[in-house]
Amino acid sequence: MPLFIVTIEYTKPMDLVEQHTPDHRAFLAGLKEKGQLLASGPFDPRTGGMLIMQADSAETADAITREDPFRKNEIAKYEVRGWKPTIGVERFE
């Protein structure tokens, strides 16, 4: 299944980000259970984060992330990009 990198950039103050973080992480845990999310985490410094997702298409990955509480509450903007790992690809198979 194709892989996608989703970058998340916060657009609101950190107090709002932190207010919505538990719901965001619960949403991501659900994606992981379904096999759609392989890894996720915040950037350091915490200006946003990144997801590694599996989906049929970039459009599907984008549609999935529209349900993320950060995106639904306009806490962050999202960019979905196709990704084709070459070195270390066995970790994603």
N, C-alpha and C. Protein backbone atom coordinates (compact mmCIF):
# COMPACT_ATOMS: atom_id res chain seq x y z
N MET A 1 0.85 -1.18 0.00
CA MET A 1 0.00 0.00 0.00
C MET A 1 0.89 1.24 0.00
N PRO A 2 0.54 2.28 -0.75
CA PRO A 2 1.36 3.49 -0.81
C PRO A 2 1.53 4.15 0.56
N LEU A 3 2.68 4.80 0.74
CA LEU A 3 2.99 5.52 1.97
C LEU A 3 2.92 7.02 1.74
N PHE A 4 2.57 7.73 2.80
CA PHE A 4 2.44 9.18 2.74
C PHE A 4 3.02 9.80 4.00
N ILE A 5 3.71 10.91 3.80
CA ILE A 5 4.18 11.74 4.91
C ILE A 5 3.18 12.89 5.03
N VAL A 6 2.69 13.07 6.23
CA VAL A 6 1.77 14.18 6.50
C VAL A 6 2.47 15.10 7.48
N THR A 7 2.72 16.34 7.04
CA THR A 7 3.30 17.31 7.96
C THR A 7 2.19 18.18 8.52
N ILE A 8 2.33 18.45 9.79
CA ILE A 8 1.34 19.23 10.54
C ILE A 8 2.06 20.47 11.06
N GLU A 9 1.50 21.64 10.78
CA GLU A 9 2.08 22.89 11.26
C GLU A 9 1.03 23.62 12.09
N TYR A 10 1.36 23.87 13.37
CA TYR A 10 0.41 24.56 14.24
C TYR A 10 0.16 25.98 13.72
N THR A 11 -1.09 26.39 13.79
CA THR A 11 -1.48 27.74 13.37
C THR A 11 -2.09 28.53 14.52
N LYS A 12 -2.20 27.90 15.67
CA LYS A 12 -2.78 28.55 16.85
C LYS A 12 -1.76 28.52 17.99
N PRO A 13 -1.99 29.32 19.03
CA PRO A 13 -1.08 29.34 20.18
C PRO A 13 -1.00 27.96 20.87
N MET A 14 0.13 27.73 21.52
CA MET A 14 0.40 26.43 22.14
C MET A 14 -0.65 26.04 23.18
N ASP A 15 -1.25 27.00 23.88
CA ASP A 15 -2.27 26.62 24.86
C ASP A 15 -3.47 25.95 24.18
N LEU A 16 -3.83 26.40 22.98
CA LEU A 16 -4.91 25.74 22.24
C LEU A 16 -4.46 24.39 21.70
N VAL A 17 -3.22 24.31 21.25
CA VAL A 17 -2.67 23.03 20.79
C VAL A 17 -2.75 22.01 21.92
N GLU A 18 -2.27 22.39 23.09
CA GLU A 18 -2.26 21.46 24.23
C GLU A 18 -3.67 21.08 24.66
N GLN A 19 -4.61 21.99 24.54
CA GLN A 19 -6.00 21.69 24.89
C GLN A 19 -6.56 20.57 24.00
N HIS A 20 -6.17 20.53 22.74
CA HIS A 20 -6.70 19.55 21.79
C HIS A 20 -5.79 18.33 21.60
N THR A 21 -4.61 18.34 22.23
CA THR A 21 -3.67 17.23 22.03
C THR A 21 -4.22 15.88 22.47
N PRO A 22 -4.90 15.74 23.61
CA PRO A 22 -5.42 14.41 23.97
C PRO A 22 -6.38 13.85 22.92
N ASP A 23 -7.27 14.66 22.37
CA ASP A 23 -8.19 14.18 21.33
C ASP A 23 -7.44 13.84 20.05
N HIS A 24 -6.44 14.66 19.71
CA HIS A 24 -5.60 14.39 18.54
C HIS A 24 -4.91 13.04 18.67
N ARG A 25 -4.32 12.79 19.83
CA ARG A 25 -3.59 11.52 20.04
C ARG A 25 -4.55 10.33 20.08
N ALA A 26 -5.74 10.51 20.61
CA ALA A 26 -6.73 9.43 20.60
C ALA A 26 -7.14 9.11 19.16
N PHE A 27 -7.31 10.14 18.34
CA PHE A 27 -7.62 9.94 16.93
C PHE A 27 -6.51 9.16 16.25
N LEU A 28 -5.25 9.55 16.50
CA LEU A 28 -4.11 8.85 15.88
C LEU A 28 -4.03 7.40 16.36
N ALA A 29 -4.32 7.16 17.62
CA ALA A 29 -4.31 5.78 18.14
C ALA A 29 -5.32 4.93 17.37
N GLY A 30 -6.46 5.49 17.05
CA GLY A 30 -7.45 4.77 16.25
C GLY A 30 -6.95 4.46 14.85
N LEU A 31 -6.23 5.39 14.24
CA LEU A 31 -5.64 5.14 12.92
C LEU A 31 -4.60 4.04 12.98
N LYS A 32 -3.82 4.04 14.06
CA LYS A 32 -2.80 2.99 14.23
C LYS A 32 -3.47 1.62 14.36
N GLU A 33 -4.54 1.55 15.12
CA GLU A 33 -5.28 0.28 15.27
C GLU A 33 -5.79 -0.24 13.94
N LYS A 34 -6.20 0.67 13.05
CA LYS A 34 -6.72 0.28 11.74
C LYS A 34 -5.61 -0.02 10.74
N GLY A 35 -4.35 0.21 11.13
CA GLY A 35 -3.23 -0.02 10.22
C GLY A 35 -2.98 1.12 9.25
N GLN A 36 -3.61 2.26 9.48
CA GLN A 36 -3.44 3.41 8.58
C GLN A 36 -2.27 4.30 8.99
N LEU A 37 -1.90 4.27 10.26
CA LEU A 37 -0.81 5.09 10.78
C LEU A 37 0.34 4.18 11.21
N LEU A 38 1.53 4.45 10.67
CA LEU A 38 2.71 3.66 11.03
C LEU A 38 3.51 4.32 12.13
N ALA A 39 3.58 5.65 12.11
CA ALA A 39 4.34 6.38 13.13
C ALA A 39 3.86 7.82 13.15
N SER A 40 4.05 8.46 14.30
CA SER A 40 3.71 9.88 14.42
C SER A 40 4.50 10.48 15.56
N GLY A 41 4.59 11.79 15.56
CA GLY A 41 5.25 12.48 16.66
C GLY A 41 5.44 13.95 16.36
N PRO A 42 5.67 14.72 17.44
CA PRO A 42 5.87 16.16 17.29
C PRO A 42 7.30 16.47 16.85
N PHE A 43 7.45 17.65 16.24
CA PHE A 43 8.78 18.16 15.93
C PHE A 43 9.42 18.70 17.21
N ASP A 44 10.72 18.86 17.18
CA ASP A 44 11.46 19.44 18.30
C ASP A 44 12.33 20.55 17.76
N PRO A 45 11.99 21.81 17.99
CA PRO A 45 10.97 22.31 18.90
C PRO A 45 9.56 22.05 18.36
N ARG A 46 8.61 22.10 19.27
CA ARG A 46 7.23 21.70 18.96
C ARG A 46 6.48 22.79 18.19
N THR A 47 6.65 22.77 16.88
CA THR A 47 5.96 23.69 15.99
C THR A 47 4.90 22.98 15.16
N GLY A 48 4.81 21.67 15.34
CA GLY A 48 3.91 20.82 14.59
C GLY A 48 4.37 19.40 14.74
N GLY A 49 4.09 18.57 13.74
CA GLY A 49 4.50 17.17 13.82
C GLY A 49 4.42 16.50 12.47
N MET A 50 4.58 15.18 12.48
CA MET A 50 4.59 14.42 11.25
C MET A 50 3.94 13.07 11.47
N LEU A 51 3.25 12.60 10.42
CA LEU A 51 2.65 11.28 10.41
C LEU A 51 3.23 10.50 9.25
N ILE A 52 3.42 9.20 9.42
CA ILE A 52 3.70 8.30 8.31
C ILE A 52 2.47 7.42 8.19
N MET A 53 1.78 7.53 7.04
CA MET A 53 0.51 6.85 6.85
C MET A 53 0.54 5.92 5.66
N GLN A 54 -0.34 4.92 5.70
CA GLN A 54 -0.63 4.06 4.56
C GLN A 54 -2.05 4.39 4.10
N ALA A 55 -2.21 4.54 2.78
CA ALA A 55 -3.54 4.80 2.23
C ALA A 55 -3.50 4.45 0.75
N ASP A 56 -4.68 4.32 0.16
CA ASP A 56 -4.78 4.00 -1.26
C ASP A 56 -4.29 5.14 -2.14
N SER A 57 -4.43 6.39 -1.66
CA SER A 57 -4.05 7.55 -2.46
C SER A 57 -3.82 8.74 -1.54
N ALA A 58 -3.22 9.78 -2.10
CA ALA A 58 -3.03 11.01 -1.34
C ALA A 58 -4.37 11.61 -0.96
N GLU A 59 -5.35 11.48 -1.85
CA GLU A 59 -6.69 12.00 -1.56
C GLU A 59 -7.32 11.28 -0.37
N THR A 60 -7.10 9.97 -0.29
CA THR A 60 -7.63 9.20 0.84
C THR A 60 -6.93 9.61 2.13
N ALA A 61 -5.62 9.74 2.08
CA ALA A 61 -4.86 10.16 3.28
C ALA A 61 -5.33 11.54 3.74
N ASP A 62 -5.54 12.45 2.78
CA ASP A 62 -6.01 13.78 3.11
C ASP A 62 -7.40 13.71 3.74
N ALA A 63 -8.28 12.90 3.18
CA ALA A 63 -9.64 12.76 3.72
C ALA A 63 -9.61 12.21 5.15
N ILE A 64 -8.73 11.26 5.39
CA ILE A 64 -8.61 10.69 6.75
C ILE A 64 -8.19 11.78 7.73
N THR A 65 -7.22 12.60 7.35
CA THR A 65 -6.72 13.61 8.29
C THR A 65 -7.73 14.73 8.52
N ARG A 66 -8.72 14.87 7.66
CA ARG A 66 -9.76 15.89 7.88
C ARG A 66 -10.56 15.61 9.16
N GLU A 67 -10.51 14.36 9.63
CA GLU A 67 -11.21 14.00 10.87
C GLU A 67 -10.37 14.22 12.12
N ASP A 68 -9.10 14.59 11.95
CA ASP A 68 -8.21 14.85 13.09
C ASP A 68 -8.72 16.09 13.83
N PRO A 69 -8.86 16.01 15.15
CA PRO A 69 -9.32 17.16 15.91
C PRO A 69 -8.49 18.43 15.70
N PHE A 70 -7.20 18.30 15.49
CA PHE A 70 -6.39 19.49 15.19
C PHE A 70 -6.88 20.16 13.91
N ARG A 71 -7.18 19.36 12.91
CA ARG A 71 -7.61 19.91 11.62
C ARG A 71 -9.06 20.40 11.70
N LYS A 72 -9.92 19.62 12.33
CA LYS A 72 -11.34 20.00 12.43
C LYS A 72 -11.50 21.31 13.20
N ASN A 73 -10.64 21.54 14.19
CA ASN A 73 -10.73 22.75 15.02
C ASN A 73 -9.79 23.86 14.54
N GLU A 74 -9.21 23.65 13.35
CA GLU A 74 -8.33 24.65 12.72
C GLU A 74 -7.16 25.04 13.62
N ILE A 75 -6.60 24.03 14.31
CA ILE A 75 -5.44 24.22 15.17
C ILE A 75 -4.16 24.16 14.34
N ALA A 76 -4.22 23.45 13.21
CA ALA A 76 -3.03 23.23 12.40
C ALA A 76 -3.40 23.08 10.93
N LYS A 77 -2.40 23.29 10.08
CA LYS A 77 -2.59 23.01 8.66
C LYS A 77 -1.81 21.74 8.32
N TYR A 78 -2.30 21.03 7.33
CA TYR A 78 -1.79 19.71 6.96
C TYR A 78 -1.31 19.70 5.52
N GLU A 79 -0.21 18.98 5.27
CA GLU A 79 0.27 18.75 3.91
C GLU A 79 0.53 17.26 3.76
N VAL A 80 -0.07 16.65 2.75
CA VAL A 80 0.09 15.22 2.46
C VAL A 80 1.00 15.08 1.25
N ARG A 81 2.05 14.26 1.41
CA ARG A 81 2.99 14.03 0.31
C ARG A 81 3.24 12.54 0.17
N GLY A 82 3.26 12.06 -1.06
CA GLY A 82 3.63 10.67 -1.31
C GLY A 82 5.07 10.43 -0.92
N TRP A 83 5.37 9.21 -0.47
CA TRP A 83 6.73 8.89 -0.03
C TRP A 83 7.07 7.48 -0.47
N LYS A 84 8.25 7.35 -1.07
CA LYS A 84 8.74 6.05 -1.53
C LYS A 84 10.09 5.77 -0.90
N PRO A 85 10.09 5.18 0.30
CA PRO A 85 11.37 4.90 0.96
C PRO A 85 12.18 3.89 0.15
N THR A 86 13.49 4.07 0.16
CA THR A 86 14.37 3.12 -0.51
C THR A 86 15.28 2.44 0.51
N ILE A 87 15.98 3.18 1.30
CA ILE A 87 16.81 2.60 2.36
C ILE A 87 15.94 2.41 3.59
N GLY A 88 15.91 1.23 4.13
CA GLY A 88 15.08 0.93 5.29
C GLY A 88 13.65 0.58 4.95
N VAL A 89 13.36 0.38 3.67
CA VAL A 89 12.00 0.09 3.24
C VAL A 89 11.42 -1.13 3.93
N GLU A 90 12.28 -2.06 4.34
CA GLU A 90 11.80 -3.29 4.99
C GLU A 90 11.07 -2.99 6.30
N ARG A 91 11.33 -1.86 6.90
CA ARG A 91 10.63 -1.51 8.15
C ARG A 91 9.17 -1.14 7.91
N PHE A 92 8.83 -0.87 6.67
CA PHE A 92 7.48 -0.45 6.34
C PHE A 92 6.70 -1.49 5.57
N GLU A 93 7.25 -2.68 5.44
CA GLU A 93 6.56 -3.74 4.68
C GLU A 93 5.81 -4.66 5.60
